[in-house]
Amino acid sequence: MRQPAAILAVVAAGLLAGCSLSRRVVPDTVSLADHCAEIMKAAMPFADIDIGNRTSQSTDIRTIVAHVEGTRTDMAGNDQVGRDLAAECTFEDSVLTGFRWTKGGPAAH
């Protein structure tokens, strides 16, 4: 009689552990394109940016280039040119080594 109770306890513990894992993001599952999107947002902290298309490609065994597009949602009017943003991030061995705006971005001073 002890065996079914022990099995039930193990199954219940496994189910409870699975519930807590589903609520958090495991850092290894976030793509470098997602990281680039967060970097884009951090580069314009004063803007509300809706991230759209994000892609990444490997240029060699150690380098990945991520491309991210977004739209500023905090701008009034129909100025689509100022609202559209795009950026490129370069990662070497998963470490950011380059960031550049390819469309829009903050005004240069």
PDB file of N, CA and C in Angstrom:
ATOM      1  N   MET A   1       0.803  -1.198   0.000  1.00  0.00           N
ATOM      2  CA  MET A   1       0.000   0.000   0.000  1.00  0.00           C
ATOM      3  C   MET A   1       0.846   1.261   0.000  1.00  0.00           C
ATOM      4  N   ARG A   2       2.053   1.195   0.459  1.00  0.00           N
ATOM      5  CA  ARG A   2       2.889   2.389   0.504  1.00  0.00           C
ATOM      6  C   ARG A   2       3.345   2.810  -0.894  1.00  0.00           C
ATOM      7  N   GLN A   3       3.536   1.874  -1.771  1.00  0.00           N
ATOM      8  CA  GLN A   3       4.048   2.169  -3.103  1.00  0.00           C
ATOM      9  C   GLN A   3       3.129   3.107  -3.891  1.00  0.00           C
ATOM     10  N   PRO A   4       1.819   2.892  -3.983  1.00  0.00           N
ATOM     11  CA  PRO A   4       0.963   3.817  -4.731  1.00  0.00           C
ATOM     12  C   PRO A   4       0.988   5.229  -4.146  1.00  0.00           C
ATOM     13  N   ALA A   5       1.057   5.349  -2.837  1.00  0.00           N
ATOM     14  CA  ALA A   5       1.110   6.673  -2.214  1.00  0.00           C
ATOM     15  C   ALA A   5       2.419   7.379  -2.562  1.00  0.00           C
ATOM     16  N   ALA A   6       3.515   6.642  -2.582  1.00  0.00           N
ATOM     17  CA  ALA A   6       4.805   7.237  -2.936  1.00  0.00           C
ATOM     18  C   ALA A   6       4.822   7.668  -4.395  1.00  0.00           C
ATOM     19  N   ILE A   7       4.269   6.839  -5.267  1.00  0.00           N
ATOM     20  CA  ILE A   7       4.207   7.185  -6.692  1.00  0.00           C
ATOM     21  C   ILE A   7       3.344   8.428  -6.895  1.00  0.00           C
ATOM     22  N   LEU A   8       2.216   8.491  -6.208  1.00  0.00           N
ATOM     23  CA  LEU A   8       1.325   9.639  -6.309  1.00  0.00           C
ATOM     24  C   LEU A   8       2.027  10.911  -5.822  1.00  0.00           C
ATOM     25  N   ALA A   9       2.805  10.806  -4.748  1.00  0.00           N
ATOM     26  CA  ALA A   9       3.528  11.965  -4.226  1.00  0.00           C
ATOM     27  C   ALA A   9       4.578  12.453  -5.227  1.00  0.00           C
ATOM     28  N   VAL A  10       5.271  11.530  -5.875  1.00  0.00           N
ATOM     29  CA  VAL A  10       6.292  11.907  -6.864  1.00  0.00           C
ATOM     30  C   VAL A  10       5.640  12.576  -8.069  1.00  0.00           C
ATOM     31  N   VAL A  11       4.535  12.021  -8.547  1.00  0.00           N
ATOM     32  CA  VAL A  11       3.823  12.609  -9.695  1.00  0.00           C
ATOM     33  C   VAL A  11       3.313  13.999  -9.345  1.00  0.00           C
ATOM     34  N   ALA A  12       2.733  14.165  -8.163  1.00  0.00           N
ATOM     35  CA  ALA A  12       2.221  15.474  -7.743  1.00  0.00           C
ATOM     36  C   ALA A  12       3.346  16.492  -7.647  1.00  0.00           C
ATOM     37  N   ALA A  13       4.490  16.085  -7.104  1.00  0.00           N
ATOM     38  CA  ALA A  13       5.633  17.002  -7.008  1.00  0.00           C
ATOM     39  C   ALA A  13       6.122  17.406  -8.398  1.00  0.00           C
ATOM     40  N   GLY A  14       6.140  16.465  -9.319  1.00  0.00           N
ATOM     41  CA  GLY A  14       6.556  16.773 -10.687  1.00  0.00           C
ATOM     42  C   GLY A  14       5.616  17.748 -11.370  1.00  0.00           C
ATOM     43  N   LEU A  15       4.322  17.568 -11.165  1.00  0.00           N
ATOM     44  CA  LEU A  15       3.352  18.483 -11.748  1.00  0.00           C
ATOM     45  C   LEU A  15       3.478  19.886 -11.170  1.00  0.00           C
ATOM     46  N   LEU A  16       3.674  19.962  -9.870  1.00  0.00           N
ATOM     47  CA  LEU A  16       3.842  21.275  -9.234  1.00  0.00           C
ATOM     48  C   LEU A  16       5.119  21.955  -9.701  1.00  0.00           C
ATOM     49  N   ALA A  17       6.184  21.206  -9.852  1.00  0.00           N
ATOM     50  CA  ALA A  17       7.439  21.784 -10.342  1.00  0.00           C
ATOM     51  C   ALA A  17       7.267  22.286 -11.765  1.00  0.00           C
ATOM     52  N   GLY A  18       6.535  21.564 -12.590  1.00  0.00           N
ATOM     53  CA  GLY A  18       6.283  21.981 -13.963  1.00  0.00           C
ATOM     54  C   GLY A  18       5.487  23.267 -14.032  1.00  0.00           C
ATOM     55  N   CYS A  19       4.579  23.471 -13.107  1.00  0.00           N
ATOM     56  CA  CYS A  19       3.790  24.704 -13.086  1.00  0.00           C
ATOM     57  C   CYS A  19       4.661  25.914 -12.820  1.00  0.00           C
ATOM     58  N   SER A  20       5.607  25.795 -11.919  1.00  0.00           N
ATOM     59  CA  SER A  20       6.454  26.950 -11.611  1.00  0.00           C
ATOM     60  C   SER A  20       7.416  27.242 -12.746  1.00  0.00           C
ATOM     61  N   LEU A  21       7.843  26.237 -13.498  1.00  0.00           N
ATOM     62  CA  LEU A  21       8.753  26.464 -14.617  1.00  0.00           C
ATOM     63  C   LEU A  21       8.069  27.175 -15.767  1.00  0.00           C
ATOM     64  N   SER A  22       6.777  26.966 -15.942  1.00  0.00           N
ATOM     65  CA  SER A  22       6.086  27.574 -17.072  1.00  0.00           C
ATOM     66  C   SER A  22       5.889  29.065 -16.903  1.00  0.00           C
ATOM     67  N   ARG A  23       6.092  29.603 -15.737  1.00  0.00           N
ATOM     68  CA  ARG A  23       5.871  31.023 -15.484  1.00  0.00           C
ATOM     69  C   ARG A  23       7.113  31.871 -15.666  1.00  0.00           C
ATOM     70  N   ARG A  24       8.243  31.286 -15.812  1.00  0.00           N
ATOM     71  CA  ARG A  24       9.451  32.088 -15.968  1.00  0.00           C
ATOM     72  C   ARG A  24      10.116  31.778 -17.297  1.00  0.00           C
ATOM     73  N   VAL A  25      10.913  32.730 -17.753  1.00  0.00           N
ATOM     74  CA  VAL A  25      11.606  32.571 -19.023  1.00  0.00           C
ATOM     75  C   VAL A  25      13.009  32.061 -18.738  1.00  0.00           C
ATOM     76  N   VAL A  26      13.371  31.005 -19.394  1.00  0.00           N
ATOM     77  CA  VAL A  26      14.712  30.464 -19.255  1.00  0.00           C
ATOM     78  C   VAL A  26      15.612  31.242 -20.204  1.00  0.00           C
ATOM     79  N   PRO A  27      16.680  31.895 -19.699  1.00  0.00           N
ATOM     80  CA  PRO A  27      17.507  32.753 -20.546  1.00  0.00           C
ATOM     81  C   PRO A  27      18.035  32.078 -21.802  1.00  0.00           C
ATOM     82  N   ASP A  28      18.306  30.796 -21.763  1.00  0.00           N
ATOM     83  CA  ASP A  28      18.840  30.109 -22.929  1.00  0.00           C
ATOM     84  C   ASP A  28      17.810  29.961 -24.040  1.00  0.00           C
ATOM     85  N   THR A  29      16.526  30.199 -23.753  1.00  0.00           N
ATOM     86  CA  THR A  29      15.498  30.042 -24.771  1.00  0.00           C
ATOM     87  C   THR A  29      15.172  31.354 -25.478  1.00  0.00           C
ATOM     88  N   VAL A  30      15.745  32.464 -25.041  1.00  0.00           N
ATOM     89  CA  VAL A  30      15.515  33.753 -25.673  1.00  0.00           C
ATOM     90  C   VAL A  30      16.522  33.900 -26.809  1.00  0.00           C
ATOM     91  N   SER A  31      16.019  34.202 -27.995  1.00  0.00           N
ATOM     92  CA  SER A  31      16.902  34.286 -29.161  1.00  0.00           C
ATOM     93  C   SER A  31      17.735  35.569 -29.127  1.00  0.00           C
ATOM     94  N   LEU A  32      18.791  35.575 -29.915  1.00  0.00           N
ATOM     95  CA  LEU A  32      19.615  36.779 -30.015  1.00  0.00           C
ATOM     96  C   LEU A  32      18.831  37.901 -30.692  1.00  0.00           C
ATOM     97  N   ALA A  33      17.884  37.572 -31.553  1.00  0.00           N
ATOM     98  CA  ALA A  33      17.021  38.598 -32.142  1.00  0.00           C
ATOM     99  C   ALA A  33      16.149  39.235 -31.058  1.00  0.00           C
ATOM    100  N   ASP A  34      15.683  38.440 -30.096  1.00  0.00           N
ATOM    101  CA  ASP A  34      14.926  38.992 -28.969  1.00  0.00           C
ATOM    102  C   ASP A  34      15.810  39.899 -28.121  1.00  0.00           C
ATOM    103  N   HIS A  35      17.050  39.499 -27.912  1.00  0.00           N
ATOM    104  CA  HIS A  35      17.994  40.356 -27.177  1.00  0.00           C
ATOM    105  C   HIS A  35      18.193  41.669 -27.922  1.00  0.00           C
ATOM    106  N   CYS A  36      18.322  41.602 -29.228  1.00  0.00           N
ATOM    107  CA  CYS A  36      18.500  42.805 -30.031  1.00  0.00           C
ATOM    108  C   CYS A  36      17.289  43.725 -29.900  1.00  0.00           C
ATOM    109  N   ALA A  37      16.091  43.156 -29.858  1.00  0.00           N
ATOM    110  CA  ALA A  37      14.880  43.954 -29.676  1.00  0.00           C
ATOM    111  C   ALA A  37      14.913  44.689 -28.341  1.00  0.00           C
ATOM    112  N   GLU A  38      15.359  44.015 -27.295  1.00  0.00           N
ATOM    113  CA  GLU A  38      15.464  44.662 -25.983  1.00  0.00           C
ATOM    114  C   GLU A  38      16.534  45.761 -25.989  1.00  0.00           C
ATOM    115  N   ILE A  39      17.612  45.546 -26.707  1.00  0.00           N
ATOM    116  CA  ILE A  39      18.663  46.559 -26.821  1.00  0.00           C
ATOM    117  C   ILE A  39      18.131  47.768 -27.579  1.00  0.00           C
ATOM    118  N   MET A  40      17.345  47.516 -28.632  1.00  0.00           N
ATOM    119  CA  MET A  40      16.731  48.611 -29.387  1.00  0.00           C
ATOM    120  C   MET A  40      15.855  49.464 -28.483  1.00  0.00           C
ATOM    121  N   LYS A  41      15.042  48.815 -27.659  1.00  0.00           N
ATOM    122  CA  LYS A  41      14.179  49.544 -26.730  1.00  0.00           C
ATOM    123  C   LYS A  41      15.006  50.326 -25.713  1.00  0.00           C
ATOM    124  N   ALA A  42      16.085  49.730 -25.230  1.00  0.00           N
ATOM    125  CA  ALA A  42      16.940  50.410 -24.251  1.00  0.00           C
ATOM    126  C   ALA A  42      17.661  51.599 -24.869  1.00  0.00           C
ATOM    127  N   ALA A  43      17.923  51.546 -26.166  1.00  0.00           N
ATOM    128  CA  ALA A  43      18.605  52.654 -26.844  1.00  0.00           C
ATOM    129  C   ALA A  43      17.694  53.868 -27.005  1.00  0.00           C
ATOM    130  N   MET A  44      16.382  53.658 -26.920  1.00  0.00           N
ATOM    131  CA  MET A  44      15.402  54.749 -26.983  1.00  0.00           C
ATOM    132  C   MET A  44      14.431  54.619 -25.810  1.00  0.00           C
ATOM    133  N   PRO A  45      14.919  54.822 -24.577  1.00  0.00           N
ATOM    134  CA  PRO A  45      14.058  54.593 -23.408  1.00  0.00           C
ATOM    135  C   PRO A  45      12.871  55.547 -23.332  1.00  0.00           C
ATOM    136  N   PHE A  46      12.921  56.651 -24.032  1.00  0.00           N
ATOM    137  CA  PHE A  46      11.840  57.632 -24.017  1.00  0.00           C
ATOM    138  C   PHE A  46      10.713  57.274 -24.979  1.00  0.00           C
ATOM    139  N   ALA A  47      10.884  56.247 -25.804  1.00  0.00           N
ATOM    140  CA  ALA A  47       9.909  55.891 -26.835  1.00  0.00           C
ATOM    141  C   ALA A  47       9.198  54.585 -26.488  1.00  0.00           C
ATOM    142  N   ASP A  48       7.962  54.499 -26.932  1.00  0.00           N
ATOM    143  CA  ASP A  48       7.212  53.238 -26.853  1.00  0.00           C
ATOM    144  C   ASP A  48       7.352  52.568 -28.209  1.00  0.00           C
ATOM    145  N   ILE A  49       7.973  51.397 -28.237  1.00  0.00           N
ATOM    146  CA  ILE A  49       8.263  50.714 -29.489  1.00  0.00           C
ATOM    147  C   ILE A  49       7.546  49.372 -29.510  1.00  0.00           C
ATOM    148  N   ASP A  50       6.791  49.165 -30.575  1.00  0.00           N
ATOM    149  CA  ASP A  50       6.137  47.880 -30.822  1.00  0.00           C
ATOM    150  C   ASP A  50       7.050  47.094 -31.748  1.00  0.00           C
ATOM    151  N   ILE A  51       7.651  46.036 -31.238  1.00  0.00           N
ATOM    152  CA  ILE A  51       8.601  45.238 -32.017  1.00  0.00           C
ATOM    153  C   ILE A  51       7.830  44.353 -32.986  1.00  0.00           C
ATOM    154  N   GLY A  52       8.268  44.357 -34.225  1.00  0.00           N
ATOM    155  CA  GLY A  52       7.638  43.536 -35.258  1.00  0.00           C
ATOM    156  C   GLY A  52       8.569  42.419 -35.678  1.00  0.00           C
ATOM    157  N   ASN A  53       9.054  42.488 -36.877  1.00  0.00           N
ATOM    158  CA  ASN A  53       9.895  41.452 -37.453  1.00  0.00           C
ATOM    159  C   ASN A  53      11.253  41.397 -36.760  1.00  0.00           C
ATOM    160  N   ARG A  54      11.711  40.198 -36.467  1.00  0.00           N
ATOM    161  CA  ARG A  54      13.051  40.004 -35.901  1.00  0.00           C
ATOM    162  C   ARG A  54      13.621  38.708 -36.461  1.00  0.00           C
ATOM    163  N   THR A  55      14.819  38.820 -36.982  1.00  0.00           N
ATOM    164  CA  THR A  55      15.476  37.667 -37.582  1.00  0.00           C
ATOM    165  C   THR A  55      16.942  37.668 -37.188  1.00  0.00           C
ATOM    166  N   SER A  56      17.583  36.542 -37.378  1.00  0.00           N
ATOM    167  CA  SER A  56      19.026  36.470 -37.145  1.00  0.00           C
ATOM    168  C   SER A  56      19.627  35.481 -38.123  1.00  0.00           C
ATOM    169  N   GLN A  57      20.887  35.706 -38.442  1.00  0.00           N
ATOM    170  CA  GLN A  57      21.594  34.799 -39.335  1.00  0.00           C
ATOM    171  C   GLN A  57      23.043  34.694 -38.899  1.00  0.00           C
ATOM    172  N   SER A  58      23.602  33.548 -39.138  1.00  0.00           N
ATOM    173  CA  SER A  58      24.997  33.294 -38.794  1.00  0.00           C
ATOM    174  C   SER A  58      25.872  33.699 -39.968  1.00  0.00           C
ATOM    175  N   THR A  59      26.885  34.517 -39.696  1.00  0.00           N
ATOM    176  CA  THR A  59      27.807  34.914 -40.756  1.00  0.00           C
ATOM    177  C   THR A  59      29.059  34.052 -40.755  1.00  0.00           C
ATOM    178  N   ASP A  60      29.372  33.475 -39.613  1.00  0.00           N
ATOM    179  CA  ASP A  60      30.442  32.482 -39.502  1.00  0.00           C
ATOM    180  C   ASP A  60      30.177  31.669 -38.247  1.00  0.00           C
ATOM    181  N   ILE A  61      31.091  30.819 -37.889  1.00  0.00           N
ATOM    182  CA  ILE A  61      30.854  29.890 -36.780  1.00  0.00           C
ATOM    183  C   ILE A  61      30.691  30.604 -35.436  1.00  0.00           C
ATOM    184  N   ARG A  62      31.213  31.833 -35.300  1.00  0.00           N
ATOM    185  CA  ARG A  62      31.154  32.542 -34.022  1.00  0.00           C
ATOM    186  C   ARG A  62      30.253  33.766 -34.043  1.00  0.00           C
ATOM    187  N   THR A  63      29.822  34.216 -35.226  1.00  0.00           N
ATOM    188  CA  THR A  63      29.128  35.499 -35.343  1.00  0.00           C
ATOM    189  C   THR A  63      27.697  35.327 -35.822  1.00  0.00           C
ATOM    190  N   ILE A  64      26.783  36.014 -35.128  1.00  0.00           N
ATOM    191  CA  ILE A  64      25.382  36.059 -35.522  1.00  0.00           C
ATOM    192  C   ILE A  64      24.972  37.520 -35.615  1.00  0.00           C
ATOM    193  N   VAL A  65      24.297  37.864 -36.711  1.00  0.00           N
ATOM    194  CA  VAL A  65      23.786  39.215 -36.910  1.00  0.00           C
ATOM    195  C   VAL A  65      22.261  39.142 -36.825  1.00  0.00           C
ATOM    196  N   ALA A  66      21.709  39.953 -35.923  1.00  0.00           N
ATOM    197  CA  ALA A  66      20.257  39.988 -35.725  1.00  0.00           C
ATOM    198  C   ALA A  66      19.714  41.299 -36.288  1.00  0.00           C
ATOM    199  N   HIS A  67      18.562  41.208 -36.957  1.00  0.00           N
ATOM    200  CA  HIS A  67      17.878  42.374 -37.514  1.00  0.00           C
ATOM    201  C   HIS A  67      16.519  42.487 -36.846  1.00  0.00           C
ATOM    202  N   VAL A  68      16.196  43.706 -36.395  1.00  0.00           N
ATOM    203  CA  VAL A  68      14.936  43.933 -35.680  1.00  0.00           C
ATOM    204  C   VAL A  68      14.246  45.152 -36.279  1.00  0.00           C
ATOM    205  N   GLU A  69      12.933  45.056 -36.446  1.00  0.00           N
ATOM    206  CA  GLU A  69      12.125  46.177 -36.922  1.00  0.00           C
ATOM    207  C   GLU A  69      11.080  46.504 -35.872  1.00  0.00           C
ATOM    208  N   GLY A  70      10.758  47.776 -35.764  1.00  0.00           N
ATOM    209  CA  GLY A  70       9.748  48.197 -34.815  1.00  0.00           C
ATOM    210  C   GLY A  70       9.049  49.454 -35.269  1.00  0.00           C
ATOM    211  N   THR A  71       7.973  49.790 -34.565  1.00  0.00           N
ATOM    212  CA  THR A  71       7.206  50.997 -34.850  1.00  0.00           C
ATOM    213  C   THR A  71       6.992  51.743 -33.545  1.00  0.00           C
ATOM    214  N   ARG A  72       7.281  53.038 -33.582  1.00  0.00           N
ATOM    215  CA  ARG A  72       7.013  53.865 -32.398  1.00  0.00           C
ATOM    216  C   ARG A  72       5.519  54.084 -32.280  1.00  0.00           C
ATOM    217  N   THR A  73       4.981  53.762 -31.130  1.00  0.00           N
ATOM    218  CA  THR A  73       3.544  53.927 -30.901  1.00  0.00           C
ATOM    219  C   THR A  73       3.236  55.185 -30.101  1.00  0.00           C
ATOM    220  N   ASP A  74       4.266  55.943 -29.738  1.00  0.00           N
ATOM    221  CA  ASP A  74       4.069  57.141 -28.922  1.00  0.00           C
ATOM    222  C   ASP A  74       4.060  58.421 -29.753  1.00  0.00           C
ATOM    223  N   MET A  75       4.100  58.301 -31.074  1.00  0.00           N
ATOM    224  CA  MET A  75       4.132  59.479 -31.940  1.00  0.00           C
ATOM    225  C   MET A  75       2.738  59.739 -32.505  1.00  0.00           C
ATOM    226  N   ALA A  76       2.324  60.993 -32.444  1.00  0.00           N
ATOM    227  CA  ALA A  76       1.025  61.381 -32.996  1.00  0.00           C
ATOM    228  C   ALA A  76       1.161  61.632 -34.495  1.00  0.00           C
ATOM    229  N   GLY A  77       0.058  61.536 -35.188  1.00  0.00           N
ATOM    230  CA  GLY A  77       0.045  61.851 -36.613  1.00  0.00           C
ATOM    231  C   GLY A  77       0.400  60.660 -37.475  1.00  0.00           C
ATOM    232  N   ASN A  78       0.584  60.946 -38.741  1.00  0.00           N
ATOM    233  CA  ASN A  78       0.841  59.903 -39.725  1.00  0.00           C
ATOM    234  C   ASN A  78       2.261  59.939 -40.243  1.00  0.00           C
ATOM    235  N   ASP A  79       3.200  60.435 -39.472  1.00  0.00           N
ATOM    236  CA  ASP A  79       4.597  60.513 -39.895  1.00  0.00           C
ATOM    237  C   ASP A  79       5.218  59.123 -39.825  1.00  0.00           C
ATOM    238  N   GLN A  80       4.930  58.301 -40.829  1.00  0.00           N
ATOM    239  CA  GLN A  80       5.399  56.920 -40.830  1.00  0.00           C
ATOM    240  C   GLN A  80       6.914  56.840 -40.889  1.00  0.00           C
ATOM    241  N   VAL A  81       7.560  57.817 -41.546  1.00  0.00           N
ATOM    242  CA  VAL A  81       9.016  57.794 -41.664  1.00  0.00           C
ATOM    243  C   VAL A  81       9.664  57.860 -40.284  1.00  0.00           C
ATOM    244  N   GLY A  82       9.180  58.730 -39.409  1.00  0.00           N
ATOM    245  CA  GLY A  82       9.738  58.846 -38.070  1.00  0.00           C
ATOM    246  C   GLY A  82       9.316  57.720 -37.141  1.00  0.00           C
ATOM    247  N   ARG A  83       8.244  57.046 -37.485  1.00  0.00           N
ATOM    248  CA  ARG A  83       7.721  55.975 -36.630  1.00  0.00           C
ATOM    249  C   ARG A  83       8.414  54.643 -36.872  1.00  0.00           C
ATOM    250  N   ASP A  84       8.851  54.393 -38.092  1.00  0.00           N
ATOM    251  CA  ASP A  84       9.475  53.117 -38.431  1.00  0.00           C
ATOM    252  C   ASP A  84      10.923  53.083 -37.982  1.00  0.00           C
ATOM    253  N   LEU A  85      11.292  52.003 -37.315  1.00  0.00           N
ATOM    254  CA  LEU A  85      12.651  51.836 -36.813  1.00  0.00           C
ATOM    255  C   LEU A  85      13.188  50.472 -37.241  1.00  0.00           C
ATOM    256  N   ALA A  86      14.495  50.399 -37.352  1.00  0.00           N
ATOM    257  CA  ALA A  86      15.155  49.115 -37.596  1.00  0.00           C
ATOM    258  C   ALA A  86      16.563  49.201 -37.033  1.00  0.00           C
ATOM    259  N   ALA A  87      17.046  48.089 -36.534  1.00  0.00           N
ATOM    260  CA  ALA A  87      18.391  48.047 -35.957  1.00  0.00           C
ATOM    261  C   ALA A  87      19.039  46.715 -36.278  1.00  0.00           C
ATOM    262  N   GLU A  88      20.348  46.711 -36.152  1.00  0.00           N
ATOM    263  CA  GLU A  88      21.133  45.501 -36.388  1.00  0.00           C
ATOM    264  C   GLU A  88      22.080  45.313 -35.208  1.00  0.00           C
ATOM    265  N   CYS A  89      22.126  44.116 -34.685  1.00  0.00           N
ATOM    266  CA  CYS A  89      23.030  43.773 -33.589  1.00  0.00           C
ATOM    267  C   CYS A  89      23.971  42.667 -34.060  1.00  0.00           C
ATOM    268  N   THR A  90      25.227  42.800 -33.715  1.00  0.00           N
ATOM    269  CA  THR A  90      26.200  41.762 -34.020  1.00  0.00           C
ATOM    270  C   THR A  90      26.633  41.111 -32.715  1.00  0.00           C
ATOM    271  N   PHE A  91      26.566  39.790 -32.692  1.00  0.00           N
ATOM    272  CA  PHE A  91      26.957  39.020 -31.517  1.00  0.00           C
ATOM    273  C   PHE A  91      28.087  38.077 -31.908  1.00  0.00           C
ATOM    274  N   GLU A  92      29.141  38.077 -31.118  1.00  0.00           N
ATOM    275  CA  GLU A  92      30.224  37.111 -31.290  1.00  0.00           C
ATOM    276  C   GLU A  92      30.266  36.248 -30.042  1.00  0.00           C
ATOM    277  N   ASP A  93      30.146  34.954 -30.226  1.00  0.00           N
ATOM    278  CA  ASP A  93      30.056  34.011 -29.106  1.00  0.00           C
ATOM    279  C   ASP A  93      28.963  34.440 -28.129  1.00  0.00           C
ATOM    280  N   SER A  94      27.837  34.905 -28.673  1.00  0.00           N
ATOM    281  CA  SER A  94      26.647  35.343 -27.917  1.00  0.00           C
ATOM    282  C   SER A  94      26.856  36.614 -27.111  1.00  0.00           C
ATOM    283  N   VAL A  95      27.933  37.348 -27.358  1.00  0.00           N
ATOM    284  CA  VAL A  95      28.209  38.611 -26.678  1.00  0.00           C
ATOM    285  C   VAL A  95      28.013  39.745 -27.685  1.00  0.00           C
ATOM    286  N   LEU A  96      27.245  40.773 -27.306  1.00  0.00           N
ATOM    287  CA  LEU A  96      27.009  41.901 -28.189  1.00  0.00           C
ATOM    288  C   LEU A  96      28.319  42.625 -28.484  1.00  0.00           C
ATOM    289  N   THR A  97      28.655  42.737 -29.762  1.00  0.00           N
ATOM    290  CA  THR A  97      29.874  43.450 -30.162  1.00  0.00           C
ATOM    291  C   THR A  97      29.572  44.643 -31.058  1.00  0.00           C
ATOM    292  N   GLY A  98      28.324  44.771 -31.507  1.00  0.00           N
ATOM    293  CA  GLY A  98      27.976  45.903 -32.350  1.00  0.00           C
ATOM    294  C   GLY A  98      26.483  46.158 -32.374  1.00  0.00           C
ATOM    295  N   PHE A  99      26.119  47.428 -32.441  1.00  0.00           N
ATOM    296  CA  PHE A  99      24.725  47.844 -32.565  1.00  0.00           C
ATOM    297  C   PHE A  99      24.693  49.058 -33.469  1.00  0.00           C
ATOM    298  N   ARG A 100      23.762  49.047 -34.425  1.00  0.00           N
ATOM    299  CA  ARG A 100      23.598  50.233 -35.274  1.00  0.00           C
ATOM    300  C   ARG A 100      22.152  50.337 -35.732  1.00  0.00           C
ATOM    301  N   TRP A 101      21.707  51.582 -35.854  1.00  0.00           N
ATOM    302  CA  TRP A 101      20.383  51.843 -36.393  1.00  0.00           C
ATOM    303  C   TRP A 101      20.463  51.712 -37.900  1.00  0.00           C
ATOM    304  N   THR A 102      19.549  50.987 -38.504  1.00  0.00           N
ATOM    305  CA  THR A 102      19.497  50.889 -39.951  1.00  0.00           C
ATOM    306  C   THR A 102      18.332  51.685 -40.513  1.00  0.00           C
ATOM    307  N   LYS A 103      17.419  52.098 -39.633  1.00  0.00           N
ATOM    308  CA  LYS A 103      16.317  52.974 -40.028  1.00  0.00           C
ATOM    309  C   LYS A 103      15.822  53.714 -38.793  1.00  0.00           C
ATOM    310  N   GLY A 104      15.709  55.034 -38.905  1.00  0.00           N
ATOM    311  CA  GLY A 104      15.234  55.835 -37.777  1.00  0.00           C
ATOM    312  C   GLY A 104      16.246  55.879 -36.657  1.00  0.00           C
ATOM    313  N   GLY A 105      15.760  55.936 -35.439  1.00  0.00           N
ATOM    314  CA  GLY A 105      16.639  56.018 -34.273  1.00  0.00           C
ATOM    315  C   GLY A 105      16.655  57.413 -33.707  1.00  0.00           C
ATOM    316  N   PRO A 106      17.319  57.583 -32.575  1.00  0.00           N
ATOM    317  CA  PRO A 106      17.360  58.908 -31.948  1.00  0.00           C
ATOM    318  C   PRO A 106      18.145  59.899 -32.815  1.00  0.00           C
ATOM    319  N   ALA A 107      17.795  61.155 -32.678  1.00  0.00           N
ATOM    320  CA  ALA A 107      18.496  62.191 -33.423  1.00  0.00           C
ATOM    321  C   ALA A 107      19.936  62.322 -32.943  1.00  0.00           C
ATOM    322  N   ALA A 108      20.833  62.445 -33.880  1.00  0.00           N
ATOM    323  CA  ALA A 108      22.250  62.609 -33.532  1.00  0.00           C
ATOM    324  C   ALA A 108      22.503  64.012 -33.020  1.00  0.00           C
ATOM    325  N   HIS A 109      23.351  64.111 -32.006  1.00  0.00           N
ATOM    326  CA  HIS A 109      23.684  65.428 -31.418  1.00  0.00           C
ATOM    327  C   HIS A 109      25.063  65.839 -31.827  1.00  0.00           C
TER     328      HIS A 109
END
